[in-house]
Structures are given as structure tokens and as C-alpha cells.
Amino acid sequence: MADQSDWKVRPFQRPKNPQDWPLTPQCESGYLATSNSGWRTLWPQILDNCNSCGLCFVYCPDGAIAKGENDFPYVLADWCKGCGLCAKECPKDAIRMNEDDQK
């Protein structure tokens, strides 16, 4: 086992506004695998009635939602495992879970 005295831990400070979160959390951490999509059976589709509130971005456990143009969210294919938390947390029902082959 590696000597734990060399490990550096950064304190986590939760941003107050969704706009203050990094564009993609996995880019900031540096500790995640290169892909998480191997067992996905459902794919989130973000619909046009999205109001860009950022809740999908905040609640995604894998950092698979990123902010695009005008802060409109989009799904990072390599990171999404299809759990559906983004769709469940969306207050506008603007995320539909489709079969993986219907991206």
C-alpha cells in the first residue's frame, strides 16, 4: 500500500450558485476513470424546454452534464452511466431518458 503521508487532500468548498461550478467537474478532480459509459442502457436527452437552471449539472453523480453555449447543458457521452438522476431532479421535466441506441 502507498504511503498515505504523501497524499494531498483538497478541502471541498461548495459553490453557492450553479454558475460558479466548473464546466465539467471531472476536469477539476483529476481522479476519475477515462470512461464511465460501459454499462449504460438509458441516455438522457435534454429537451428545448430546459431553462438552464443547472440542477442536472449539480446532481449528476458522474459529472456527465456540462454547460455549453448560453449555459445550456449537454451530456458528455463518455461519462454518463444512464442513472437518470438528472431527469428526476429536473423541475421542468426537460430531460427524457431514451434507450441508449436512440441518442
PDB file of N, CA and C in Angstrom:
ATOM      1  N   MET A   1       0.835  -1.185   0.000  1.00  0.00           N
ATOM      2  CA  MET A   1       0.000   0.000   0.000  1.00  0.00           C
ATOM      3  C   MET A   1       0.878   1.247   0.000  1.00  0.00           C
ATOM      4  N   ALA A   2       0.445   2.260  -0.713  1.00  0.00           N
ATOM      5  CA  ALA A   2       1.211   3.503  -0.810  1.00  0.00           C
ATOM      6  C   ALA A   2       1.256   4.221   0.536  1.00  0.00           C
ATOM      7  N   ASP A   3       2.333   4.940   0.732  1.00  0.00           N
ATOM      8  CA  ASP A   3       2.481   5.718   1.955  1.00  0.00           C
ATOM      9  C   ASP A   3       1.474   6.861   1.944  1.00  0.00           C
ATOM     10  N   GLN A   4       0.528   6.841   2.857  1.00  0.00           N
ATOM     11  CA  GLN A   4      -0.551   7.829   2.868  1.00  0.00           C
ATOM     12  C   GLN A   4      -0.105   9.195   3.349  1.00  0.00           C
ATOM     13  N   SER A   5       1.080   9.304   3.898  1.00  0.00           N
ATOM     14  CA  SER A   5       1.542  10.607   4.369  1.00  0.00           C
ATOM     15  C   SER A   5       1.800  11.565   3.206  1.00  0.00           C
ATOM     16  N   ASP A   6       1.963  11.025   1.973  1.00  0.00           N
ATOM     17  CA  ASP A   6       2.204  11.870   0.802  1.00  0.00           C
ATOM     18  C   ASP A   6       0.922  12.338   0.127  1.00  0.00           C
ATOM     19  N   TRP A   7      -0.228  11.798   0.530  1.00  0.00           N
ATOM     20  CA  TRP A   7      -1.492  12.149  -0.116  1.00  0.00           C
ATOM     21  C   TRP A   7      -1.873  13.578   0.214  1.00  0.00           C
ATOM     22  N   LYS A   8      -2.337  14.277  -0.790  1.00  0.00           N
ATOM     23  CA  LYS A   8      -2.795  15.654  -0.594  1.00  0.00           C
ATOM     24  C   LYS A   8      -4.303  15.690  -0.775  1.00  0.00           C
ATOM     25  N   VAL A   9      -4.985  16.241   0.169  1.00  0.00           N
ATOM     26  CA  VAL A   9      -6.435  16.331   0.111  1.00  0.00           C
ATOM     27  C   VAL A   9      -6.815  17.806   0.032  1.00  0.00           C
ATOM     28  N   ARG A  10      -7.633  18.097  -0.963  1.00  0.00           N
ATOM     29  CA  ARG A  10      -8.108  19.471  -1.109  1.00  0.00           C
ATOM     30  C   ARG A  10      -9.448  19.600  -0.405  1.00  0.00           C
ATOM     31  N   PRO A  11      -9.644  20.634   0.389  1.00  0.00           N
ATOM     32  CA  PRO A  11     -10.958  20.815   1.007  1.00  0.00           C
ATOM     33  C   PRO A  11     -11.991  21.173  -0.059  1.00  0.00           C
ATOM     34  N   PHE A  12     -13.180  20.608   0.084  1.00  0.00           N
ATOM     35  CA  PHE A  12     -14.245  20.882  -0.880  1.00  0.00           C
ATOM     36  C   PHE A  12     -15.050  22.075  -0.407  1.00  0.00           C
ATOM     37  N   GLN A  13     -15.170  23.066  -1.257  1.00  0.00           N
ATOM     38  CA  GLN A  13     -15.989  24.233  -0.950  1.00  0.00           C
ATOM     39  C   GLN A  13     -17.092  24.298  -1.986  1.00  0.00           C
ATOM     40  N   ARG A  14     -18.313  24.068  -1.553  1.00  0.00           N
ATOM     41  CA  ARG A  14     -19.462  24.028  -2.449  1.00  0.00           C
ATOM     42  C   ARG A  14     -19.800  25.447  -2.919  1.00  0.00           C
ATOM     43  N   PRO A  15     -19.800  25.673  -4.226  1.00  0.00           N
ATOM     44  CA  PRO A  15     -20.193  26.987  -4.741  1.00  0.00           C
ATOM     45  C   PRO A  15     -21.655  27.287  -4.405  1.00  0.00           C
ATOM     46  N   LYS A  16     -21.942  28.549  -4.193  1.00  0.00           N
ATOM     47  CA  LYS A  16     -23.305  28.951  -3.836  1.00  0.00           C
ATOM     48  C   LYS A  16     -24.235  28.998  -5.042  1.00  0.00           C
ATOM     49  N   ASN A  17     -23.716  29.294  -6.209  1.00  0.00           N
ATOM     50  CA  ASN A  17     -24.524  29.403  -7.422  1.00  0.00           C
ATOM     51  C   ASN A  17     -24.072  28.356  -8.438  1.00  0.00           C
ATOM     52  N   PRO A  18     -25.018  27.764  -9.186  1.00  0.00           N
ATOM     53  CA  PRO A  18     -24.620  26.787 -10.211  1.00  0.00           C
ATOM     54  C   PRO A  18     -23.648  27.366 -11.240  1.00  0.00           C
ATOM     55  N   GLN A  19     -23.709  28.669 -11.487  1.00  0.00           N
ATOM     56  CA  GLN A  19     -22.813  29.292 -12.464  1.00  0.00           C
ATOM     57  C   GLN A  19     -21.358  29.279 -11.991  1.00  0.00           C
ATOM     58  N   ASP A  20     -21.133  29.084 -10.691  1.00  0.00           N
ATOM     59  CA  ASP A  20     -19.780  29.086 -10.146  1.00  0.00           C
ATOM     60  C   ASP A  20     -19.098  27.726 -10.212  1.00  0.00           C
ATOM     61  N   TRP A  21     -19.860  26.668 -10.581  1.00  0.00           N
ATOM     62  CA  TRP A  21     -19.269  25.334 -10.678  1.00  0.00           C
ATOM     63  C   TRP A  21     -18.378  25.287 -11.914  1.00  0.00           C
ATOM     64  N   PRO A  22     -17.333  24.455 -11.911  1.00  0.00           N
ATOM     65  CA  PRO A  22     -16.506  24.325 -13.118  1.00  0.00           C
ATOM     66  C   PRO A  22     -17.342  23.744 -14.257  1.00  0.00           C
ATOM     67  N   LEU A  23     -16.923  23.971 -15.493  1.00  0.00           N
ATOM     68  CA  LEU A  23     -17.687  23.487 -16.639  1.00  0.00           C
ATOM     69  C   LEU A  23     -17.888  21.983 -16.608  1.00  0.00           C
ATOM     70  N   THR A  24     -16.887  21.232 -16.231  1.00  0.00           N
ATOM     71  CA  THR A  24     -17.025  19.787 -16.098  1.00  0.00           C
ATOM     72  C   THR A  24     -16.262  19.358 -14.852  1.00  0.00           C
ATOM     73  N   PRO A  25     -16.944  18.851 -13.841  1.00  0.00           N
ATOM     74  CA  PRO A  25     -16.280  18.512 -12.579  1.00  0.00           C
ATOM     75  C   PRO A  25     -15.140  17.516 -12.722  1.00  0.00           C
ATOM     76  N   GLN A  26     -15.253  16.557 -13.650  1.00  0.00           N
ATOM     77  CA  GLN A  26     -14.187  15.570 -13.774  1.00  0.00           C
ATOM     78  C   GLN A  26     -12.877  16.205 -14.222  1.00  0.00           C
ATOM     79  N   CYS A  27     -12.937  17.328 -14.929  1.00  0.00           N
ATOM     80  CA  CYS A  27     -11.705  18.003 -15.344  1.00  0.00           C
ATOM     81  C   CYS A  27     -10.968  18.567 -14.141  1.00  0.00           C
ATOM     82  N   GLU A  28     -11.705  19.001 -13.145  1.00  0.00           N
ATOM     83  CA  GLU A  28     -11.109  19.592 -11.962  1.00  0.00           C
ATOM     84  C   GLU A  28     -10.525  18.539 -11.020  1.00  0.00           C
ATOM     85  N   SER A  29     -11.163  17.378 -10.922  1.00  0.00           N
ATOM     86  CA  SER A  29     -10.750  16.412  -9.907  1.00  0.00           C
ATOM     87  C   SER A  29      -9.445  15.709 -10.263  1.00  0.00           C
ATOM     88  N   GLY A  30      -9.340  15.236 -11.502  1.00  0.00           N
ATOM     89  CA  GLY A  30      -8.144  14.522 -11.904  1.00  0.00           C
ATOM     90  C   GLY A  30      -8.038  13.116 -11.344  1.00  0.00           C
ATOM     91  N   TYR A  31      -9.082  12.614 -10.690  1.00  0.00           N
ATOM     92  CA  TYR A  31      -9.011  11.308 -10.043  1.00  0.00           C
ATOM     93  C   TYR A  31      -9.982  10.294 -10.629  1.00  0.00           C
ATOM     94  N   LEU A  32     -10.672  10.605 -11.700  1.00  0.00           N
ATOM     95  CA  LEU A  32     -11.692   9.709 -12.229  1.00  0.00           C
ATOM     96  C   LEU A  32     -11.170   8.876 -13.397  1.00  0.00           C
ATOM     97  N   ALA A  33     -11.886   7.817 -13.704  1.00  0.00           N
ATOM     98  CA  ALA A  33     -11.532   6.955 -14.829  1.00  0.00           C
ATOM     99  C   ALA A  33     -11.728   7.703 -16.149  1.00  0.00           C
ATOM    100  N   THR A  34     -11.276   7.111 -17.238  1.00  0.00           N
ATOM    101  CA  THR A  34     -11.376   7.782 -18.523  1.00  0.00           C
ATOM    102  C   THR A  34     -12.745   7.633 -19.171  1.00  0.00           C
ATOM    103  N   SER A  35     -13.558   6.667 -18.737  1.00  0.00           N
ATOM    104  CA  SER A  35     -14.892   6.490 -19.284  1.00  0.00           C
ATOM    105  C   SER A  35     -15.764   5.791 -18.255  1.00  0.00           C
ATOM    106  N   ASN A  36     -17.056   6.103 -18.285  1.00  0.00           N
ATOM    107  CA  ASN A  36     -17.985   5.518 -17.329  1.00  0.00           C
ATOM    108  C   ASN A  36     -19.221   4.970 -18.018  1.00  0.00           C
ATOM    109  N   SER A  37     -19.236   4.943 -19.329  1.00  0.00           N
ATOM    110  CA  SER A  37     -20.459   4.658 -20.069  1.00  0.00           C
ATOM    111  C   SER A  37     -20.640   3.192 -20.445  1.00  0.00           C
ATOM    112  N   GLY A  38     -19.781   2.300 -20.014  1.00  0.00           N
ATOM    113  CA  GLY A  38     -19.808   0.921 -20.476  1.00  0.00           C
ATOM    114  C   GLY A  38     -21.076   0.147 -20.181  1.00  0.00           C
ATOM    115  N   TRP A  39     -21.776   0.440 -19.111  1.00  0.00           N
ATOM    116  CA  TRP A  39     -22.969  -0.332 -18.775  1.00  0.00           C
ATOM    117  C   TRP A  39     -24.254   0.458 -18.950  1.00  0.00           C
ATOM    118  N   ARG A  40     -24.203   1.606 -19.598  1.00  0.00           N
ATOM    119  CA  ARG A  40     -25.381   2.451 -19.789  1.00  0.00           C
ATOM    120  C   ARG A  40     -26.416   1.778 -20.686  1.00  0.00           C
ATOM    121  N   THR A  41     -27.684   1.814 -20.286  1.00  0.00           N
ATOM    122  CA  THR A  41     -28.775   1.337 -21.134  1.00  0.00           C
ATOM    123  C   THR A  41     -29.739   2.464 -21.472  1.00  0.00           C
ATOM    124  N   LEU A  42     -29.699   3.538 -20.700  1.00  0.00           N
ATOM    125  CA  LEU A  42     -30.541   4.706 -20.974  1.00  0.00           C
ATOM    126  C   LEU A  42     -29.664   5.921 -21.223  1.00  0.00           C
ATOM    127  N   TRP A  43     -30.164   6.810 -22.045  1.00  0.00           N
ATOM    128  CA  TRP A  43     -29.412   8.007 -22.434  1.00  0.00           C
ATOM    129  C   TRP A  43     -30.279   9.235 -22.183  1.00  0.00           C
ATOM    130  N   PRO A  44     -29.784  10.240 -21.439  1.00  0.00           N
ATOM    131  CA  PRO A  44     -30.583  11.439 -21.215  1.00  0.00           C
ATOM    132  C   PRO A  44     -30.572  12.358 -22.434  1.00  0.00           C
ATOM    133  N   GLN A  45     -31.750  12.796 -22.811  1.00  0.00           N
ATOM    134  CA  GLN A  45     -31.886  13.759 -23.904  1.00  0.00           C
ATOM    135  C   GLN A  45     -32.433  15.048 -23.290  1.00  0.00           C
ATOM    136  N   ILE A  46     -31.708  16.130 -23.446  1.00  0.00           N
ATOM    137  CA  ILE A  46     -32.141  17.415 -22.892  1.00  0.00           C
ATOM    138  C   ILE A  46     -33.013  18.108 -23.927  1.00  0.00           C
ATOM    139  N   LEU A  47     -34.230  18.428 -23.525  1.00  0.00           N
ATOM    140  CA  LEU A  47     -35.233  18.972 -24.434  1.00  0.00           C
ATOM    141  C   LEU A  47     -35.167  20.496 -24.496  1.00  0.00           C
ATOM    142  N   ASP A  48     -35.895  21.065 -25.465  1.00  0.00           N
ATOM    143  CA  ASP A  48     -35.857  22.506 -25.696  1.00  0.00           C
ATOM    144  C   ASP A  48     -36.500  23.325 -24.581  1.00  0.00           C
ATOM    145  N   ASN A  49     -37.355  22.709 -23.747  1.00  0.00           N
ATOM    146  CA  ASN A  49     -37.993  23.487 -22.679  1.00  0.00           C
ATOM    147  C   ASN A  49     -37.090  23.646 -21.449  1.00  0.00           C
ATOM    148  N   CYS A  50     -35.829  23.239 -21.552  1.00  0.00           N
ATOM    149  CA  CYS A  50     -34.854  23.427 -20.475  1.00  0.00           C
ATOM    150  C   CYS A  50     -34.659  24.920 -20.216  1.00  0.00           C
ATOM    151  N   ASN A  51     -34.651  25.301 -18.926  1.00  0.00           N
ATOM    152  CA  ASN A  51     -34.436  26.715 -18.584  1.00  0.00           C
ATOM    153  C   ASN A  51     -33.016  26.976 -18.069  1.00  0.00           C
ATOM    154  N   SER A  52     -32.115  26.007 -18.228  1.00  0.00           N
ATOM    155  CA  SER A  52     -30.700  26.134 -17.852  1.00  0.00           C
ATOM    156  C   SER A  52     -30.516  26.467 -16.371  1.00  0.00           C
ATOM    157  N   CYS A  53     -31.343  25.859 -15.518  1.00  0.00           N
ATOM    158  CA  CYS A  53     -31.243  26.136 -14.076  1.00  0.00           C
ATOM    159  C   CYS A  53     -29.981  25.537 -13.464  1.00  0.00           C
ATOM    160  N   GLY A  54     -29.439  24.485 -14.069  1.00  0.00           N
ATOM    161  CA  GLY A  54     -28.204  23.888 -13.586  1.00  0.00           C
ATOM    162  C   GLY A  54     -28.371  22.760 -12.587  1.00  0.00           C
ATOM    163  N   LEU A  55     -29.599  22.382 -12.239  1.00  0.00           N
ATOM    164  CA  LEU A  55     -29.785  21.307 -11.264  1.00  0.00           C
ATOM    165  C   LEU A  55     -29.279  19.967 -11.792  1.00  0.00           C
ATOM    166  N   CYS A  56     -29.459  19.700 -13.076  1.00  0.00           N
ATOM    167  CA  CYS A  56     -28.944  18.447 -13.644  1.00  0.00           C
ATOM    168  C   CYS A  56     -27.426  18.394 -13.501  1.00  0.00           C
ATOM    169  N   PHE A  57     -26.782  19.501 -13.720  1.00  0.00           N
ATOM    170  CA  PHE A  57     -25.329  19.626 -13.608  1.00  0.00           C
ATOM    171  C   PHE A  57     -24.875  19.353 -12.175  1.00  0.00           C
ATOM    172  N   VAL A  58     -25.613  19.900 -11.212  1.00  0.00           N
ATOM    173  CA  VAL A  58     -25.256  19.753  -9.802  1.00  0.00           C
ATOM    174  C   VAL A  58     -25.502  18.328  -9.302  1.00  0.00           C
ATOM    175  N   TYR A  59     -26.619  17.715  -9.688  1.00  0.00           N
ATOM    176  CA  TYR A  59     -26.992  16.412  -9.162  1.00  0.00           C
ATOM    177  C   TYR A  59     -26.348  15.225  -9.876  1.00  0.00           C
ATOM    178  N   CYS A  60     -25.790  15.404 -11.048  1.00  0.00           N
ATOM    179  CA  CYS A  60     -25.186  14.288 -11.775  1.00  0.00           C
ATOM    180  C   CYS A  60     -24.014  13.725 -10.967  1.00  0.00           C
ATOM    181  N   PRO A  61     -24.089  12.442 -10.559  1.00  0.00           N
ATOM    182  CA  PRO A  61     -23.027  11.887  -9.720  1.00  0.00           C
ATOM    183  C   PRO A  61     -21.708  11.655 -10.445  1.00  0.00           C
ATOM    184  N   ASP A  62     -21.723  11.696 -11.762  1.00  0.00           N
ATOM    185  CA  ASP A  62     -20.510  11.421 -12.527  1.00  0.00           C
ATOM    186  C   ASP A  62     -19.975  12.617 -13.287  1.00  0.00           C
ATOM    187  N   GLY A  63     -20.550  13.777 -13.102  1.00  0.00           N
ATOM    188  CA  GLY A  63     -20.074  14.951 -13.821  1.00  0.00           C
ATOM    189  C   GLY A  63     -20.271  14.834 -15.308  1.00  0.00           C
ATOM    190  N   ALA A  64     -21.355  14.179 -15.734  1.00  0.00           N
ATOM    191  CA  ALA A  64     -21.599  13.934 -17.157  1.00  0.00           C
ATOM    192  C   ALA A  64     -22.410  15.023 -17.822  1.00  0.00           C
ATOM    193  N   ILE A  65     -22.794  16.049 -17.080  1.00  0.00           N
ATOM    194  CA  ILE A  65     -23.525  17.182 -17.648  1.00  0.00           C
ATOM    195  C   ILE A  65     -22.562  18.365 -17.666  1.00  0.00           C
ATOM    196  N   ALA A  66     -22.427  18.975 -18.811  1.00  0.00           N
ATOM    197  CA  ALA A  66     -21.562  20.146 -18.951  1.00  0.00           C
ATOM    198  C   ALA A  66     -22.397  21.329 -19.423  1.00  0.00           C
ATOM    199  N   LYS A  67     -21.859  22.514 -19.219  1.00  0.00           N
ATOM    200  CA  LYS A  67     -22.529  23.730 -19.675  1.00  0.00           C
ATOM    201  C   LYS A  67     -21.984  24.109 -21.039  1.00  0.00           C
ATOM    202  N   GLY A  68     -22.893  24.330 -21.958  1.00  0.00           N
ATOM    203  CA  GLY A  68     -22.492  24.710 -23.302  1.00  0.00           C
ATOM    204  C   GLY A  68     -22.779  26.171 -23.568  1.00  0.00           C
ATOM    205  N   GLU A  69     -23.104  26.461 -24.817  1.00  0.00           N
ATOM    206  CA  GLU A  69     -23.411  27.817 -25.231  1.00  0.00           C
ATOM    207  C   GLU A  69     -24.609  28.358 -24.451  1.00  0.00           C
ATOM    208  N   ASN A  70     -24.506  29.564 -23.954  1.00  0.00           N
ATOM    209  CA  ASN A  70     -25.554  30.211 -23.138  1.00  0.00           C
ATOM    210  C   ASN A  70     -25.916  29.389 -21.911  1.00  0.00           C
ATOM    211  N   ASP A  71     -24.953  28.654 -21.353  1.00  0.00           N
ATOM    212  CA  ASP A  71     -25.142  27.797 -20.178  1.00  0.00           C
ATOM    213  C   ASP A  71     -26.158  26.684 -20.393  1.00  0.00           C
ATOM    214  N   PHE A  72     -26.510  26.373 -21.655  1.00  0.00           N
ATOM    215  CA  PHE A  72     -27.431  25.274 -21.928  1.00  0.00           C
ATOM    216  C   PHE A  72     -26.677  23.964 -21.696  1.00  0.00           C
ATOM    217  N   PRO A  73     -27.220  23.045 -20.887  1.00  0.00           N
ATOM    218  CA  PRO A  73     -26.491  21.816 -20.567  1.00  0.00           C
ATOM    219  C   PRO A  73     -26.461  20.827 -21.728  1.00  0.00           C
ATOM    220  N   TYR A  74     -25.425  20.016 -21.758  1.00  0.00           N
ATOM    221  CA  TYR A  74     -25.347  18.910 -22.701  1.00  0.00           C
ATOM    222  C   TYR A  74     -24.681  17.723 -22.000  1.00  0.00           C
ATOM    223  N   VAL A  75     -24.875  16.530 -22.544  1.00  0.00           N
ATOM    224  CA  VAL A  75     -24.407  15.298 -21.912  1.00  0.00           C
ATOM    225  C   VAL A  75     -23.069  14.880 -22.507  1.00  0.00           C
ATOM    226  N   LEU A  76     -22.121  14.550 -21.639  1.00  0.00           N
ATOM    227  CA  LEU A  76     -20.816  14.041 -22.061  1.00  0.00           C
ATOM    228  C   LEU A  76     -20.925  12.516 -22.163  1.00  0.00           C
ATOM    229  N   ALA A  77     -20.882  12.004 -23.375  1.00  0.00           N
ATOM    230  CA  ALA A  77     -21.175  10.592 -23.648  1.00  0.00           C
ATOM    231  C   ALA A  77     -20.268   9.630 -22.886  1.00  0.00           C
ATOM    232  N   ASP A  78     -19.005   9.933 -22.745  1.00  0.00           N
ATOM    233  CA  ASP A  78     -18.083   9.014 -22.077  1.00  0.00           C
ATOM    234  C   ASP A  78     -18.295   8.940 -20.572  1.00  0.00           C
ATOM    235  N   TRP A  79     -18.979   9.910 -19.999  1.00  0.00           N
ATOM    236  CA  TRP A  79     -19.133   9.960 -18.548  1.00  0.00           C
ATOM    237  C   TRP A  79     -20.499   9.500 -18.077  1.00  0.00           C
ATOM    238  N   CYS A  80     -21.516   9.638 -18.903  1.00  0.00           N
ATOM    239  CA  CYS A  80     -22.885   9.310 -18.487  1.00  0.00           C
ATOM    240  C   CYS A  80     -23.062   7.805 -18.336  1.00  0.00           C
ATOM    241  N   LYS A  81     -23.593   7.388 -17.176  1.00  0.00           N
ATOM    242  CA  LYS A  81     -23.884   5.969 -16.975  1.00  0.00           C
ATOM    243  C   LYS A  81     -25.370   5.684 -17.083  1.00  0.00           C
ATOM    244  N   GLY A  82     -26.187   6.700 -17.360  1.00  0.00           N
ATOM    245  CA  GLY A  82     -27.610   6.498 -17.598  1.00  0.00           C
ATOM    246  C   GLY A  82     -28.436   6.276 -16.354  1.00  0.00           C
ATOM    247  N   CYS A  83     -28.018   6.799 -15.214  1.00  0.00           N
ATOM    248  CA  CYS A  83     -28.729   6.547 -13.961  1.00  0.00           C
ATOM    249  C   CYS A  83     -30.075   7.265 -13.883  1.00  0.00           C
ATOM    250  N   GLY A  84     -30.227   8.389 -14.585  1.00  0.00           N
ATOM    251  CA  GLY A  84     -31.491   9.109 -14.619  1.00  0.00           C
ATOM    252  C   GLY A  84     -31.704  10.124 -13.519  1.00  0.00           C
ATOM    253  N   LEU A  85     -30.704  10.365 -12.667  1.00  0.00           N
ATOM    254  CA  LEU A  85     -30.868  11.369 -11.614  1.00  0.00           C
ATOM    255  C   LEU A  85     -31.135  12.756 -12.187  1.00  0.00           C
ATOM    256  N   CYS A  86     -30.498  13.072 -13.292  1.00  0.00           N
ATOM    257  CA  CYS A  86     -30.707  14.382 -13.916  1.00  0.00           C
ATOM    258  C   CYS A  86     -32.178  14.558 -14.297  1.00  0.00           C
ATOM    259  N   ALA A  87     -32.780  13.526 -14.867  1.00  0.00           N
ATOM    260  CA  ALA A  87     -34.184  13.592 -15.285  1.00  0.00           C
ATOM    261  C   ALA A  87     -35.114  13.694 -14.081  1.00  0.00           C
ATOM    262  N   LYS A  88     -34.789  12.994 -13.009  1.00  0.00           N
ATOM    263  CA  LYS A  88     -35.635  13.024 -11.812  1.00  0.00           C
ATOM    264  C   LYS A  88     -35.579  14.375 -11.107  1.00  0.00           C
ATOM    265  N   GLU A  89     -34.435  15.038 -11.141  1.00  0.00           N
ATOM    266  CA  GLU A  89     -34.261  16.309 -10.444  1.00  0.00           C
ATOM    267  C   GLU A  89     -34.692  17.525 -11.267  1.00  0.00           C
ATOM    268  N   CYS A  90     -34.910  17.344 -12.555  1.00  0.00           N
ATOM    269  CA  CYS A  90     -35.257  18.476 -13.417  1.00  0.00           C
ATOM    270  C   CYS A  90     -36.650  19.009 -13.072  1.00  0.00           C
ATOM    271  N   PRO A  91     -36.753  20.285 -12.659  1.00  0.00           N
ATOM    272  CA  PRO A  91     -38.050  20.838 -12.283  1.00  0.00           C
ATOM    273  C   PRO A  91     -38.966  21.099 -13.483  1.00  0.00           C
ATOM    274  N   LYS A  92     -38.431  21.137 -14.686  1.00  0.00           N
ATOM    275  CA  LYS A  92     -39.223  21.405 -15.895  1.00  0.00           C
ATOM    276  C   LYS A  92     -39.512  20.142 -16.700  1.00  0.00           C
ATOM    277  N   ASP A  93     -39.107  18.983 -16.198  1.00  0.00           N
ATOM    278  CA  ASP A  93     -39.225  17.729 -16.952  1.00  0.00           C
ATOM    279  C   ASP A  93     -38.644  17.868 -18.355  1.00  0.00           C
ATOM    280  N   ALA A  94     -37.485  18.507 -18.413  1.00  0.00           N
ATOM    281  CA  ALA A  94     -36.848  18.796 -19.698  1.00  0.00           C
ATOM    282  C   ALA A  94     -35.792  17.759 -20.085  1.00  0.00           C
ATOM    283  N   ILE A  95     -35.728  16.647 -19.336  1.00  0.00           N
ATOM    284  CA  ILE A  95     -34.778  15.589 -19.668  1.00  0.00           C
ATOM    285  C   ILE A  95     -35.549  14.288 -19.817  1.00  0.00           C
ATOM    286  N   ARG A  96     -35.408  13.678 -20.975  1.00  0.00           N
ATOM    287  CA  ARG A  96     -36.081  12.409 -21.268  1.00  0.00           C
ATOM    288  C   ARG A  96     -35.018  11.330 -21.346  1.00  0.00           C
ATOM    289  N   MET A  97     -35.299  10.198 -20.688  1.00  0.00           N
ATOM    290  CA  MET A  97     -34.374   9.062 -20.738  1.00  0.00           C
ATOM    291  C   MET A  97     -34.794   8.140 -21.882  1.00  0.00           C
ATOM    292  N   ASN A  98     -33.918   7.979 -22.870  1.00  0.00           N
ATOM    293  CA  ASN A  98     -34.164   7.147 -24.045  1.00  0.00           C
ATOM    294  C   ASN A  98     -33.279   5.909 -23.994  1.00  0.00           C
ATOM    295  N   GLU A  99     -33.653   4.909 -24.786  1.00  0.00           N
ATOM    296  CA  GLU A  99     -32.773   3.752 -24.944  1.00  0.00           C
ATOM    297  C   GLU A  99     -31.447   4.246 -25.494  1.00  0.00           C
ATOM    298  N   ASP A 100     -30.363   3.599 -25.133  1.00  0.00           N
ATOM    299  CA  ASP A 100     -29.023   4.072 -25.498  1.00  0.00           C
ATOM    300  C   ASP A 100     -28.814   4.191 -26.995  1.00  0.00           C
ATOM    301  N   ASP A 101     -29.479   3.384 -27.795  1.00  0.00           N
ATOM    302  CA  ASP A 101     -29.285   3.460 -29.242  1.00  0.00           C
ATOM    303  C   ASP A 101     -30.087   4.575 -29.895  1.00  0.00           C
ATOM    304  N   GLN A 102     -30.848   5.357 -29.121  1.00  0.00           N
ATOM    305  CA  GLN A 102     -31.664   6.434 -29.658  1.00  0.00           C
ATOM    306  C   GLN A 102     -31.123   7.812 -29.297  1.00  0.00           C
ATOM    307  N   LYS A 103     -29.818   7.962 -29.181  1.00  0.00           N
ATOM    308  CA  LYS A 103     -29.219   9.242 -28.811  1.00  0.00           C
ATOM    309  C   LYS A 103     -29.767  10.311 -29.706  1.00  0.00           C
TER     310      LYS A 103
END
